[in-house]
Amino acid sequence: MSLTTYSLYLAAVAVLVLSPGPTMLMCMTTALNEGKSAALAAASGSISAVLGVMALSALGLGALLAASELAFTVVKVIGAFYLIWLGIKTFCSNADAVDIKRDATDSGRHLRAYYVRGLLVGSSNPKAILFFTAFFPQFLNPAEPFVTQYSILALTFIACEFSVLAMCAFGVSAISPFLRSQRHMRWINRITGGMFATMGGLLLFSRRHA
C-alpha cells in the first residue's frame, strides 16, 4: 500500500467518523446522563462491534448479505427495532438529576451494561458490513499481502473512530453540569430519543442497494 493510497484512505475515514450517527449520538447522550466513564464503556462496545463487523466482512458475510434479501432483511429488522426501542427508552427516561457516584460492584455492572449497549448499537446496521466489504477493497493492492493491508486499514479506522468518540465523551461530560437541570435533561432526552427512533425507522425502511 503506497503512502498516497493510505493518505486518501485516512481522509475518507476522517469524513466517515466525523459524520453524526447512532454511535456518536449514543456516546454523547451517555456522557450527558451517566458521565464519561459510562460513555467510554459504550464507545468501547461500539469499537468491539466495528471489529466484529470488519472480521465478518473479511470472512465474506458482506457478500452473503448482498446476495440474500432474507438475510439482509432479518439483520436489518433486528437492528432497526433495537434503535427504535432505545429511542423510546431514552425519550421516556427520568429527567431528574443523575447521581453517578456508585460503589465498585455497581460501577462494574453499570459499565458492562453500557459496553453491551455500545456493542448492540455498533452492530445494529447491516449496511455497515456491506460498507466495509465495498470500502476496504478500494484501498487494497492485490500484489501485497491481504492480511497485513486489511489489518492496517482496520486499526486505522478503529483508532480514528475511538478518538472521535472519546472526544465526544470528554467534551459533553465537561459541559454536562450546566445541562443537568430537570428541564434541560427532559428536552435533551426527548430530542435524542426521537433521533434514535428516527434512525431506526430509516434503517427499517431502507433498501439493500440504497
N, C-alpha and C. Protein backbone atom coordinates (compact mmCIF):
# COMPACT_ATOMS: atom_id res chain seq x y z
N MET A 1 0.85 -1.19 0.00
CA MET A 1 0.00 0.00 0.00
C MET A 1 0.89 1.25 0.00
N SER A 2 0.68 2.11 -0.97
CA SER A 2 1.50 3.32 -1.07
C SER A 2 1.05 4.37 -0.06
N LEU A 3 1.94 5.33 0.18
CA LEU A 3 1.62 6.42 1.10
C LEU A 3 0.46 7.25 0.56
N THR A 4 0.40 7.43 -0.76
CA THR A 4 -0.70 8.19 -1.37
C THR A 4 -2.04 7.49 -1.14
N THR A 5 -2.07 6.18 -1.32
CA THR A 5 -3.30 5.42 -1.10
C THR A 5 -3.73 5.50 0.35
N TYR A 6 -2.77 5.35 1.26
CA TYR A 6 -3.09 5.42 2.69
C TYR A 6 -3.59 6.81 3.08
N SER A 7 -3.00 7.85 2.49
CA SER A 7 -3.44 9.22 2.78
C SER A 7 -4.88 9.44 2.32
N LEU A 8 -5.22 8.92 1.16
CA LEU A 8 -6.60 9.02 0.67
C LEU A 8 -7.56 8.26 1.58
N TYR A 9 -7.13 7.09 2.03
CA TYR A 9 -7.95 6.29 2.95
C TYR A 9 -8.16 7.04 4.26
N LEU A 10 -7.10 7.64 4.78
CA LEU A 10 -7.18 8.37 6.04
C LEU A 10 -8.14 9.55 5.93
N ALA A 11 -8.11 10.25 4.80
CA ALA A 11 -9.03 11.37 4.58
C ALA A 11 -10.48 10.88 4.51
N ALA A 12 -10.70 9.75 3.83
CA ALA A 12 -12.05 9.19 3.73
C ALA A 12 -12.56 8.76 5.10
N VAL A 13 -11.69 8.14 5.89
CA VAL A 13 -12.08 7.70 7.24
C VAL A 13 -12.42 8.90 8.12
N ALA A 14 -11.65 9.96 8.00
CA ALA A 14 -11.91 11.16 8.80
C ALA A 14 -13.31 11.70 8.54
N VAL A 15 -13.69 11.74 7.26
CA VAL A 15 -15.04 12.20 6.91
C VAL A 15 -16.09 11.27 7.49
N LEU A 16 -15.85 9.98 7.42
CA LEU A 16 -16.83 8.99 7.89
C LEU A 16 -17.03 9.06 9.40
N VAL A 17 -15.95 9.09 10.16
CA VAL A 17 -16.08 9.04 11.61
C VAL A 17 -16.59 10.35 12.19
N LEU A 18 -16.42 11.46 11.45
CA LEU A 18 -16.92 12.75 11.93
C LEU A 18 -18.38 12.97 11.56
N SER A 19 -18.94 12.09 10.74
CA SER A 19 -20.35 12.21 10.35
C SER A 19 -21.22 11.71 11.49
N PRO A 20 -22.22 12.49 11.92
CA PRO A 20 -23.09 12.06 13.03
C PRO A 20 -23.84 10.78 12.69
N GLY A 21 -24.00 9.94 13.68
CA GLY A 21 -24.74 8.69 13.51
C GLY A 21 -25.17 8.15 14.86
N PRO A 22 -25.79 6.97 14.90
CA PRO A 22 -26.29 6.41 16.16
C PRO A 22 -25.21 6.24 17.22
N THR A 23 -24.01 5.82 16.81
CA THR A 23 -22.94 5.58 17.79
C THR A 23 -22.50 6.88 18.46
N MET A 24 -22.29 7.92 17.66
CA MET A 24 -21.90 9.21 18.22
C MET A 24 -23.00 9.77 19.12
N LEU A 25 -24.24 9.65 18.68
CA LEU A 25 -25.36 10.14 19.47
C LEU A 25 -25.44 9.39 20.79
N MET A 26 -25.27 8.07 20.76
CA MET A 26 -25.31 7.27 21.97
C MET A 26 -24.20 7.67 22.94
N CYS A 27 -23.00 7.89 22.40
CA CYS A 27 -21.87 8.27 23.24
C CYS A 27 -22.11 9.61 23.93
N MET A 28 -22.62 10.57 23.18
CA MET A 28 -22.88 11.90 23.75
C MET A 28 -24.01 11.85 24.77
N THR A 29 -25.07 11.12 24.48
CA THR A 29 -26.19 11.01 25.41
C THR A 29 -25.76 10.32 26.70
N THR A 30 -24.95 9.27 26.57
CA THR A 30 -24.47 8.55 27.75
C THR A 30 -23.57 9.43 28.59
N ALA A 31 -22.69 10.21 27.95
CA ALA A 31 -21.81 11.12 28.69
C ALA A 31 -22.62 12.15 29.46
N LEU A 32 -23.70 12.61 28.86
CA LEU A 32 -24.53 13.63 29.50
C LEU A 32 -25.30 13.06 30.68
N ASN A 33 -25.84 11.86 30.51
CA ASN A 33 -26.70 11.27 31.53
C ASN A 33 -25.92 10.51 32.60
N GLU A 34 -24.81 9.88 32.20
CA GLU A 34 -24.14 8.95 33.11
C GLU A 34 -22.67 9.26 33.37
N GLY A 35 -22.10 10.20 32.64
CA GLY A 35 -20.71 10.53 32.86
C GLY A 35 -19.77 9.92 31.82
N LYS A 36 -18.53 10.39 31.81
CA LYS A 36 -17.60 9.99 30.75
C LYS A 36 -17.18 8.53 30.84
N SER A 37 -17.12 7.95 32.05
CA SER A 37 -16.73 6.54 32.18
C SER A 37 -17.72 5.63 31.47
N ALA A 38 -19.02 5.89 31.68
CA ALA A 38 -20.05 5.10 31.00
C ALA A 38 -19.99 5.33 29.50
N ALA A 39 -19.73 6.58 29.08
CA ALA A 39 -19.65 6.88 27.66
C ALA A 39 -18.46 6.17 27.02
N LEU A 40 -17.33 6.11 27.71
CA LEU A 40 -16.16 5.42 27.18
C LEU A 40 -16.40 3.91 27.12
N ALA A 41 -17.16 3.39 28.09
CA ALA A 41 -17.52 1.97 28.05
C ALA A 41 -18.40 1.69 26.84
N ALA A 42 -19.36 2.58 26.58
CA ALA A 42 -20.23 2.43 25.41
C ALA A 42 -19.41 2.54 24.12
N ALA A 43 -18.47 3.48 24.10
CA ALA A 43 -17.61 3.63 22.93
C ALA A 43 -16.78 2.38 22.70
N SER A 44 -16.28 1.77 23.78
CA SER A 44 -15.51 0.53 23.66
C SER A 44 -16.38 -0.60 23.10
N GLY A 45 -17.64 -0.65 23.53
CA GLY A 45 -18.55 -1.64 22.98
C GLY A 45 -18.76 -1.43 21.50
N SER A 46 -18.92 -0.18 21.09
CA SER A 46 -19.11 0.13 19.68
C SER A 46 -17.88 -0.25 18.86
N ILE A 47 -16.69 0.02 19.40
CA ILE A 47 -15.46 -0.34 18.71
C ILE A 47 -15.35 -1.86 18.57
N SER A 48 -15.75 -2.59 19.61
CA SER A 48 -15.76 -4.05 19.53
C SER A 48 -16.68 -4.53 18.41
N ALA A 49 -17.83 -3.85 18.29
CA ALA A 49 -18.77 -4.19 17.22
C ALA A 49 -18.14 -3.93 15.85
N VAL A 50 -17.43 -2.81 15.73
CA VAL A 50 -16.78 -2.48 14.47
C VAL A 50 -15.75 -3.56 14.11
N LEU A 51 -14.99 -4.00 15.11
CA LEU A 51 -14.02 -5.07 14.88
C LEU A 51 -14.71 -6.33 14.37
N GLY A 52 -15.84 -6.66 15.02
CA GLY A 52 -16.60 -7.83 14.59
C GLY A 52 -17.13 -7.69 13.18
N VAL A 53 -17.65 -6.50 12.86
CA VAL A 53 -18.19 -6.24 11.53
C VAL A 53 -17.09 -6.36 10.47
N MET A 54 -15.92 -5.81 10.79
CA MET A 54 -14.79 -5.91 9.86
C MET A 54 -14.39 -7.36 9.64
N ALA A 55 -14.35 -8.14 10.73
CA ALA A 55 -13.98 -9.55 10.61
C ALA A 55 -15.00 -10.31 9.77
N LEU A 56 -16.28 -10.04 10.01
CA LEU A 56 -17.34 -10.71 9.24
C LEU A 56 -17.26 -10.34 7.76
N SER A 57 -16.95 -9.07 7.52
CA SER A 57 -16.81 -8.63 6.13
C SER A 57 -15.66 -9.36 5.45
N ALA A 58 -14.53 -9.47 6.17
CA ALA A 58 -13.37 -10.15 5.61
C ALA A 58 -13.65 -11.63 5.35
N LEU A 59 -14.52 -12.21 6.19
CA LEU A 59 -14.85 -13.62 6.04
C LEU A 59 -15.91 -13.89 4.99
N GLY A 60 -16.49 -12.80 4.46
CA GLY A 60 -17.44 -12.97 3.37
C GLY A 60 -18.90 -12.83 3.73
N LEU A 61 -19.22 -12.44 5.00
CA LEU A 61 -20.63 -12.28 5.35
C LEU A 61 -21.26 -11.12 4.58
N GLY A 62 -20.43 -10.11 4.26
CA GLY A 62 -20.96 -9.00 3.47
C GLY A 62 -21.50 -9.47 2.13
N ALA A 63 -20.78 -10.42 1.51
CA ALA A 63 -21.26 -10.97 0.24
C ALA A 63 -22.56 -11.72 0.43
N LEU A 64 -22.71 -12.41 1.58
CA LEU A 64 -23.95 -13.13 1.86
C LEU A 64 -25.12 -12.17 2.00
N LEU A 65 -24.91 -11.09 2.75
CA LEU A 65 -25.98 -10.11 2.93
C LEU A 65 -26.33 -9.43 1.62
N ALA A 66 -25.31 -9.20 0.79
CA ALA A 66 -25.57 -8.57 -0.51
C ALA A 66 -26.35 -9.50 -1.43
N ALA A 67 -26.12 -10.81 -1.27
CA ALA A 67 -26.77 -11.77 -2.17
C ALA A 67 -28.13 -12.23 -1.67
N SER A 68 -28.34 -12.23 -0.35
CA SER A 68 -29.57 -12.78 0.22
C SER A 68 -30.47 -11.67 0.77
N GLU A 69 -31.60 -11.48 0.14
CA GLU A 69 -32.57 -10.49 0.61
C GLU A 69 -33.09 -10.86 1.99
N LEU A 70 -33.31 -12.15 2.23
CA LEU A 70 -33.85 -12.60 3.52
C LEU A 70 -32.86 -12.34 4.65
N ALA A 71 -31.58 -12.70 4.44
CA ALA A 71 -30.57 -12.49 5.48
C ALA A 71 -30.42 -11.01 5.80
N PHE A 72 -30.38 -10.19 4.76
CA PHE A 72 -30.25 -8.75 4.98
C PHE A 72 -31.45 -8.20 5.75
N THR A 73 -32.65 -8.63 5.37
CA THR A 73 -33.87 -8.12 6.00
C THR A 73 -33.94 -8.51 7.46
N VAL A 74 -33.58 -9.75 7.79
CA VAL A 74 -33.63 -10.21 9.17
C VAL A 74 -32.69 -9.38 10.05
N VAL A 75 -31.45 -9.22 9.61
CA VAL A 75 -30.48 -8.44 10.38
C VAL A 75 -30.92 -6.98 10.48
N LYS A 76 -31.44 -6.45 9.39
CA LYS A 76 -31.89 -5.05 9.36
C LYS A 76 -33.03 -4.81 10.33
N VAL A 77 -34.02 -5.68 10.34
CA VAL A 77 -35.19 -5.51 11.21
C VAL A 77 -34.79 -5.58 12.68
N ILE A 78 -33.91 -6.52 13.02
CA ILE A 78 -33.45 -6.63 14.41
C ILE A 78 -32.75 -5.34 14.83
N GLY A 79 -31.83 -4.85 13.99
CA GLY A 79 -31.11 -3.62 14.31
C GLY A 79 -32.02 -2.42 14.40
N ALA A 80 -32.98 -2.32 13.47
CA ALA A 80 -33.89 -1.18 13.45
C ALA A 80 -34.77 -1.15 14.69
N PHE A 81 -35.30 -2.29 15.08
CA PHE A 81 -36.17 -2.32 16.25
C PHE A 81 -35.40 -2.05 17.53
N TYR A 82 -34.12 -2.44 17.57
CA TYR A 82 -33.32 -2.10 18.75
C TYR A 82 -33.13 -0.59 18.85
N LEU A 83 -32.83 0.07 17.74
CA LEU A 83 -32.66 1.53 17.76
C LEU A 83 -33.96 2.23 18.15
N ILE A 84 -35.08 1.72 17.64
CA ILE A 84 -36.38 2.31 17.98
C ILE A 84 -36.67 2.12 19.47
N TRP A 85 -36.40 0.92 19.97
CA TRP A 85 -36.61 0.66 21.41
C TRP A 85 -35.73 1.57 22.25
N LEU A 86 -34.46 1.73 21.83
CA LEU A 86 -33.55 2.60 22.57
C LEU A 86 -34.04 4.05 22.53
N GLY A 87 -34.60 4.46 21.39
CA GLY A 87 -35.15 5.80 21.28
C GLY A 87 -36.32 6.02 22.22
N ILE A 88 -37.22 5.05 22.28
CA ILE A 88 -38.38 5.16 23.18
C ILE A 88 -37.92 5.20 24.63
N LYS A 89 -36.96 4.34 24.98
CA LYS A 89 -36.45 4.30 26.34
C LYS A 89 -35.80 5.63 26.73
N THR A 90 -35.02 6.20 25.80
CA THR A 90 -34.37 7.49 26.08
C THR A 90 -35.41 8.60 26.18
N PHE A 91 -36.39 8.60 25.29
CA PHE A 91 -37.44 9.61 25.30
C PHE A 91 -38.19 9.61 26.62
N CYS A 92 -38.45 8.43 27.15
CA CYS A 92 -39.25 8.31 28.38
C CYS A 92 -38.41 8.25 29.64
N SER A 93 -37.08 8.40 29.53
CA SER A 93 -36.22 8.26 30.70
C SER A 93 -36.45 9.37 31.70
N ASN A 94 -36.12 9.08 32.96
CA ASN A 94 -36.32 10.02 34.06
C ASN A 94 -35.48 11.26 33.84
N ALA A 95 -36.08 12.41 33.96
CA ALA A 95 -35.37 13.68 33.73
C ALA A 95 -34.75 14.25 34.98
N ASP A 96 -34.83 13.50 36.10
CA ASP A 96 -34.24 14.00 37.33
C ASP A 96 -32.72 14.01 37.23
N ALA A 97 -32.07 14.74 38.11
CA ALA A 97 -30.61 14.77 38.12
C ALA A 97 -30.07 13.38 38.36
N VAL A 98 -28.98 13.06 37.70
CA VAL A 98 -28.42 11.71 37.77
C VAL A 98 -27.29 11.68 38.78
N ASP A 99 -27.34 10.71 39.67
CA ASP A 99 -26.26 10.50 40.63
C ASP A 99 -25.30 9.48 40.05
N ILE A 100 -24.10 9.90 39.67
CA ILE A 100 -23.18 8.99 39.01
C ILE A 100 -22.16 8.42 39.99
N LYS A 101 -22.37 8.59 41.31
CA LYS A 101 -21.47 8.00 42.30
C LYS A 101 -21.99 6.61 42.66
N ARG A 102 -21.15 5.57 42.45
CA ARG A 102 -21.54 4.20 42.72
C ARG A 102 -20.38 3.47 43.36
N ASP A 103 -20.69 2.39 44.11
CA ASP A 103 -19.60 1.60 44.65
C ASP A 103 -18.99 0.76 43.53
N ALA A 104 -17.90 0.06 43.85
CA ALA A 104 -17.14 -0.63 42.81
C ALA A 104 -17.97 -1.70 42.10
N THR A 105 -18.76 -2.46 42.87
CA THR A 105 -19.55 -3.53 42.28
C THR A 105 -20.61 -2.97 41.34
N ASP A 106 -21.36 -1.96 41.83
CA ASP A 106 -22.38 -1.34 40.98
C ASP A 106 -21.75 -0.69 39.76
N SER A 107 -20.57 -0.08 39.97
CA SER A 107 -19.91 0.60 38.85
C SER A 107 -19.52 -0.40 37.77
N GLY A 108 -19.02 -1.58 38.19
CA GLY A 108 -18.64 -2.59 37.21
C GLY A 108 -19.83 -3.06 36.40
N ARG A 109 -20.96 -3.33 37.07
CA ARG A 109 -22.16 -3.75 36.36
C ARG A 109 -22.66 -2.64 35.45
N HIS A 110 -22.58 -1.43 35.95
CA HIS A 110 -23.04 -0.26 35.19
C HIS A 110 -22.24 -0.11 33.89
N LEU A 111 -20.92 -0.21 33.99
CA LEU A 111 -20.07 -0.05 32.82
C LEU A 111 -20.26 -1.20 31.83
N ARG A 112 -20.46 -2.41 32.35
CA ARG A 112 -20.71 -3.55 31.47
C ARG A 112 -22.01 -3.36 30.69
N ALA A 113 -23.02 -2.81 31.38
CA ALA A 113 -24.31 -2.58 30.71
C ALA A 113 -24.15 -1.59 29.56
N TYR A 114 -23.35 -0.56 29.75
CA TYR A 114 -23.16 0.41 28.68
C TYR A 114 -22.23 -0.11 27.60
N TYR A 115 -21.31 -0.99 27.98
CA TYR A 115 -20.49 -1.66 26.96
C TYR A 115 -21.39 -2.48 26.03
N VAL A 116 -22.32 -3.22 26.62
CA VAL A 116 -23.24 -4.04 25.83
C VAL A 116 -24.12 -3.14 24.96
N ARG A 117 -24.58 -2.03 25.50
CA ARG A 117 -25.39 -1.11 24.70
C ARG A 117 -24.60 -0.60 23.50
N GLY A 118 -23.34 -0.22 23.73
CA GLY A 118 -22.50 0.23 22.62
C GLY A 118 -22.28 -0.87 21.60
N LEU A 119 -22.11 -2.10 22.09
CA LEU A 119 -21.93 -3.24 21.20
C LEU A 119 -23.15 -3.44 20.31
N LEU A 120 -24.33 -3.32 20.90
CA LEU A 120 -25.57 -3.52 20.14
C LEU A 120 -25.81 -2.39 19.14
N VAL A 121 -25.57 -1.16 19.57
CA VAL A 121 -25.76 -0.03 18.66
C VAL A 121 -24.74 -0.11 17.51
N GLY A 122 -23.50 -0.43 17.84
CA GLY A 122 -22.47 -0.50 16.81
C GLY A 122 -22.70 -1.59 15.78
N SER A 123 -23.41 -2.64 16.17
CA SER A 123 -23.66 -3.74 15.24
C SER A 123 -25.08 -3.77 14.72
N SER A 124 -25.84 -2.69 14.95
CA SER A 124 -27.27 -2.69 14.63
C SER A 124 -27.58 -2.48 13.15
N ASN A 125 -26.59 -2.01 12.39
CA ASN A 125 -26.85 -1.69 10.99
C ASN A 125 -26.16 -2.68 10.06
N PRO A 126 -26.91 -3.52 9.35
CA PRO A 126 -26.28 -4.49 8.44
C PRO A 126 -25.54 -3.84 7.29
N LYS A 127 -25.89 -2.58 6.99
CA LYS A 127 -25.19 -1.89 5.90
C LYS A 127 -23.74 -1.61 6.25
N ALA A 128 -23.40 -1.66 7.57
CA ALA A 128 -22.01 -1.50 7.96
C ALA A 128 -21.16 -2.62 7.40
N ILE A 129 -21.71 -3.85 7.42
CA ILE A 129 -20.98 -4.99 6.87
C ILE A 129 -20.80 -4.82 5.37
N LEU A 130 -21.88 -4.40 4.69
CA LEU A 130 -21.78 -4.17 3.25
C LEU A 130 -20.80 -3.03 2.96
N PHE A 131 -20.83 -2.01 3.81
CA PHE A 131 -19.94 -0.86 3.62
C PHE A 131 -18.48 -1.28 3.67
N PHE A 132 -18.10 -2.02 4.71
CA PHE A 132 -16.70 -2.42 4.83
C PHE A 132 -16.31 -3.39 3.72
N THR A 133 -17.26 -4.21 3.29
CA THR A 133 -16.98 -5.13 2.19
C THR A 133 -16.67 -4.37 0.90
N ALA A 134 -17.38 -3.25 0.69
CA ALA A 134 -17.18 -2.47 -0.54
C ALA A 134 -16.08 -1.42 -0.39
N PHE A 135 -15.86 -0.92 0.84
CA PHE A 135 -14.96 0.20 1.07
C PHE A 135 -13.49 -0.22 1.08
N PHE A 136 -13.17 -1.24 1.86
CA PHE A 136 -11.78 -1.64 2.01
C PHE A 136 -11.10 -2.08 0.71
N PRO A 137 -11.78 -2.87 -0.14
CA PRO A 137 -11.10 -3.34 -1.35
C PRO A 137 -10.58 -2.23 -2.25
N GLN A 138 -11.17 -1.03 -2.16
CA GLN A 138 -10.72 0.07 -3.00
C GLN A 138 -9.30 0.51 -2.65
N PHE A 139 -8.85 0.18 -1.44
CA PHE A 139 -7.53 0.62 -0.99
C PHE A 139 -6.54 -0.54 -0.85
N LEU A 140 -6.94 -1.72 -1.27
CA LEU A 140 -6.07 -2.89 -1.17
C LEU A 140 -5.32 -3.12 -2.48
N ASN A 141 -4.04 -3.44 -2.36
CA ASN A 141 -3.22 -3.77 -3.52
C ASN A 141 -3.16 -5.30 -3.64
N PRO A 142 -3.71 -5.86 -4.73
CA PRO A 142 -3.75 -7.32 -4.88
C PRO A 142 -2.36 -7.96 -4.88
N ALA A 143 -1.34 -7.18 -5.17
CA ALA A 143 0.01 -7.73 -5.23
C ALA A 143 0.67 -7.83 -3.86
N GLU A 144 0.05 -7.26 -2.83
CA GLU A 144 0.62 -7.26 -1.49
C GLU A 144 -0.22 -8.15 -0.57
N PRO A 145 0.35 -8.59 0.58
CA PRO A 145 -0.37 -9.49 1.49
C PRO A 145 -1.70 -8.89 1.97
N PHE A 146 -2.77 -9.66 1.86
CA PHE A 146 -4.11 -9.18 2.20
C PHE A 146 -4.24 -8.89 3.70
N VAL A 147 -3.79 -9.83 4.53
CA VAL A 147 -3.99 -9.70 5.98
C VAL A 147 -3.30 -8.46 6.52
N THR A 148 -2.07 -8.21 6.08
CA THR A 148 -1.33 -7.04 6.56
C THR A 148 -2.04 -5.75 6.18
N GLN A 149 -2.46 -5.64 4.93
CA GLN A 149 -3.15 -4.43 4.47
C GLN A 149 -4.49 -4.24 5.20
N TYR A 150 -5.24 -5.32 5.30
CA TYR A 150 -6.55 -5.25 5.95
C TYR A 150 -6.39 -4.84 7.42
N SER A 151 -5.37 -5.37 8.07
CA SER A 151 -5.13 -5.04 9.48
C SER A 151 -4.80 -3.56 9.65
N ILE A 152 -3.98 -3.04 8.75
CA ILE A 152 -3.62 -1.61 8.81
C ILE A 152 -4.85 -0.74 8.62
N LEU A 153 -5.67 -1.06 7.64
CA LEU A 153 -6.89 -0.28 7.38
C LEU A 153 -7.85 -0.37 8.56
N ALA A 154 -8.00 -1.57 9.10
CA ALA A 154 -8.93 -1.77 10.21
C ALA A 154 -8.47 -1.03 11.46
N LEU A 155 -7.19 -1.14 11.80
CA LEU A 155 -6.67 -0.47 13.00
C LEU A 155 -6.72 1.05 12.86
N THR A 156 -6.49 1.54 11.65
CA THR A 156 -6.59 2.98 11.41
C THR A 156 -8.02 3.46 11.64
N PHE A 157 -8.98 2.73 11.09
CA PHE A 157 -10.39 3.11 11.27
C PHE A 157 -10.77 3.09 12.74
N ILE A 158 -10.37 2.06 13.45
CA ILE A 158 -10.72 1.92 14.86
C ILE A 158 -10.10 3.05 15.69
N ALA A 159 -8.82 3.37 15.41
CA ALA A 159 -8.15 4.44 16.15
C ALA A 159 -8.85 5.77 15.93
N CYS A 160 -9.23 6.07 14.68
CA CYS A 160 -9.92 7.32 14.38
C CYS A 160 -11.31 7.35 15.01
N GLU A 161 -12.02 6.24 14.91
CA GLU A 161 -13.38 6.17 15.46
C GLU A 161 -13.36 6.34 16.98
N PHE A 162 -12.47 5.64 17.66
CA PHE A 162 -12.42 5.74 19.12
C PHE A 162 -11.98 7.13 19.55
N SER A 163 -11.06 7.74 18.82
CA SER A 163 -10.60 9.10 19.17
C SER A 163 -11.76 10.09 19.11
N VAL A 164 -12.58 9.99 18.07
CA VAL A 164 -13.73 10.89 17.94
C VAL A 164 -14.74 10.64 19.05
N LEU A 165 -15.03 9.37 19.33
CA LEU A 165 -15.99 9.05 20.38
C LEU A 165 -15.48 9.48 21.75
N ALA A 166 -14.19 9.32 21.99
CA ALA A 166 -13.61 9.76 23.26
C ALA A 166 -13.70 11.27 23.40
N MET A 167 -13.44 12.00 22.32
CA MET A 167 -13.57 13.46 22.37
C MET A 167 -15.01 13.87 22.66
N CYS A 168 -15.96 13.16 22.07
CA CYS A 168 -17.38 13.43 22.35
C CYS A 168 -17.68 13.19 23.82
N ALA A 169 -17.17 12.07 24.36
CA ALA A 169 -17.43 11.72 25.76
C ALA A 169 -16.86 12.78 26.70
N PHE A 170 -15.62 13.16 26.49
CA PHE A 170 -14.98 14.13 27.38
C PHE A 170 -15.58 15.53 27.20
N GLY A 171 -15.87 15.88 25.95
CA GLY A 171 -16.43 17.21 25.69
C GLY A 171 -17.81 17.38 26.31
N VAL A 172 -18.69 16.40 26.10
CA VAL A 172 -20.05 16.51 26.63
C VAL A 172 -20.04 16.41 28.14
N SER A 173 -19.21 15.52 28.70
CA SER A 173 -19.18 15.40 30.17
C SER A 173 -18.66 16.68 30.82
N ALA A 174 -17.83 17.42 30.10
CA ALA A 174 -17.30 18.68 30.65
C ALA A 174 -18.38 19.74 30.79
N ILE A 175 -19.33 19.74 29.84
CA ILE A 175 -20.40 20.75 29.91
C ILE A 175 -21.68 20.21 30.55
N SER A 176 -21.68 18.92 30.90
CA SER A 176 -22.90 18.32 31.44
C SER A 176 -23.41 18.97 32.73
N PRO A 177 -22.52 19.46 33.64
CA PRO A 177 -23.06 20.11 34.84
C PRO A 177 -23.96 21.30 34.54
N PHE A 178 -23.76 21.94 33.40
CA PHE A 178 -24.58 23.09 33.04
C PHE A 178 -25.90 22.68 32.38
N LEU A 179 -26.01 21.40 32.02
CA LEU A 179 -27.19 20.94 31.28
C LEU A 179 -28.04 19.97 32.09
N ARG A 180 -27.63 19.63 33.32
CA ARG A 180 -28.30 18.57 34.04
C ARG A 180 -29.52 19.03 34.83
N SER A 181 -30.00 20.21 34.59
CA SER A 181 -31.26 20.60 35.24
C SER A 181 -32.37 19.72 34.71
N GLN A 182 -33.43 19.57 35.53
CA GLN A 182 -34.53 18.69 35.12
C GLN A 182 -35.13 19.14 33.80
N ARG A 183 -35.27 20.43 33.61
CA ARG A 183 -35.88 20.96 32.38
C ARG A 183 -35.01 20.65 31.17
N HIS A 184 -33.70 20.92 31.29
CA HIS A 184 -32.80 20.66 30.18
C HIS A 184 -32.74 19.17 29.84
N MET A 185 -32.62 18.33 30.87
CA MET A 185 -32.50 16.90 30.64
C MET A 185 -33.75 16.32 29.98
N ARG A 186 -34.90 16.83 30.37
CA ARG A 186 -36.15 16.34 29.78
C ARG A 186 -36.15 16.56 28.27
N TRP A 187 -35.77 17.77 27.85
CA TRP A 187 -35.79 18.08 26.42
C TRP A 187 -34.66 17.39 25.67
N ILE A 188 -33.50 17.28 26.29
CA ILE A 188 -32.39 16.58 25.65
C ILE A 188 -32.74 15.12 25.43
N ASN A 189 -33.33 14.47 26.44
CA ASN A 189 -33.72 13.07 26.29
C ASN A 189 -34.82 12.90 25.24
N ARG A 190 -35.74 13.83 25.16
CA ARG A 190 -36.78 13.75 24.14
C ARG A 190 -36.21 13.89 22.74
N ILE A 191 -35.30 14.85 22.58
CA ILE A 191 -34.70 15.08 21.26
C ILE A 191 -33.85 13.88 20.83
N THR A 192 -32.97 13.42 21.73
CA THR A 192 -32.10 12.30 21.38
C THR A 192 -32.90 11.01 21.20
N GLY A 193 -33.93 10.83 22.03
CA GLY A 193 -34.79 9.65 21.87
C GLY A 193 -35.48 9.66 20.52
N GLY A 194 -35.96 10.84 20.12
CA GLY A 194 -36.60 10.96 18.82
C GLY A 194 -35.63 10.69 17.68
N MET A 195 -34.37 11.10 17.86
CA MET A 195 -33.36 10.87 16.82
C MET A 195 -33.02 9.39 16.70
N PHE A 196 -32.90 8.70 17.84
CA PHE A 196 -32.66 7.25 17.80
C PHE A 196 -33.80 6.55 17.07
N ALA A 197 -35.04 6.89 17.43
CA ALA A 197 -36.20 6.25 16.81
C ALA A 197 -36.25 6.54 15.31
N THR A 198 -35.90 7.77 14.94
CA THR A 198 -35.89 8.15 13.52
C THR A 198 -34.84 7.34 12.75
N MET A 199 -33.65 7.21 13.35
CA MET A 199 -32.61 6.42 12.70
C MET A 199 -33.03 4.96 12.54
N GLY A 200 -33.71 4.44 13.57
CA GLY A 200 -34.22 3.08 13.47
C GLY A 200 -35.25 2.95 12.37
N GLY A 201 -36.14 3.95 12.26
CA GLY A 201 -37.16 3.93 11.21
C GLY A 201 -36.54 4.01 9.83
N LEU A 202 -35.54 4.86 9.68
CA LEU A 202 -34.86 4.98 8.38
C LEU A 202 -34.18 3.67 8.00
N LEU A 203 -33.57 3.02 9.00
CA LEU A 203 -32.94 1.73 8.74
C LEU A 203 -33.98 0.68 8.36
N LEU A 204 -35.11 0.69 9.07
CA LEU A 204 -36.17 -0.29 8.83
C LEU A 204 -36.70 -0.22 7.40
N PHE A 205 -36.83 0.99 6.87
CA PHE A 205 -37.40 1.16 5.54
C PHE A 205 -36.35 1.34 4.45
N SER A 206 -35.09 1.17 4.83
CA SER A 206 -34.04 1.29 3.81
C SER A 206 -33.98 0.04 2.96
N ARG A 207 -33.42 0.19 1.78
CA ARG A 207 -33.28 -0.92 0.85
C ARG A 207 -31.83 -1.36 0.80
N ARG A 208 -31.63 -2.61 0.44
CA ARG A 208 -30.29 -3.20 0.48
C ARG A 208 -29.32 -2.45 -0.41
N HIS A 209 -29.76 -2.02 -1.58
CA HIS A 209 -28.85 -1.38 -2.53
C HIS A 209 -29.06 0.13 -2.57
N ALA A 210 -29.70 0.70 -1.50
CA ALA A 210 -29.94 2.13 -1.48
C ALA A 210 -28.62 2.90 -1.38
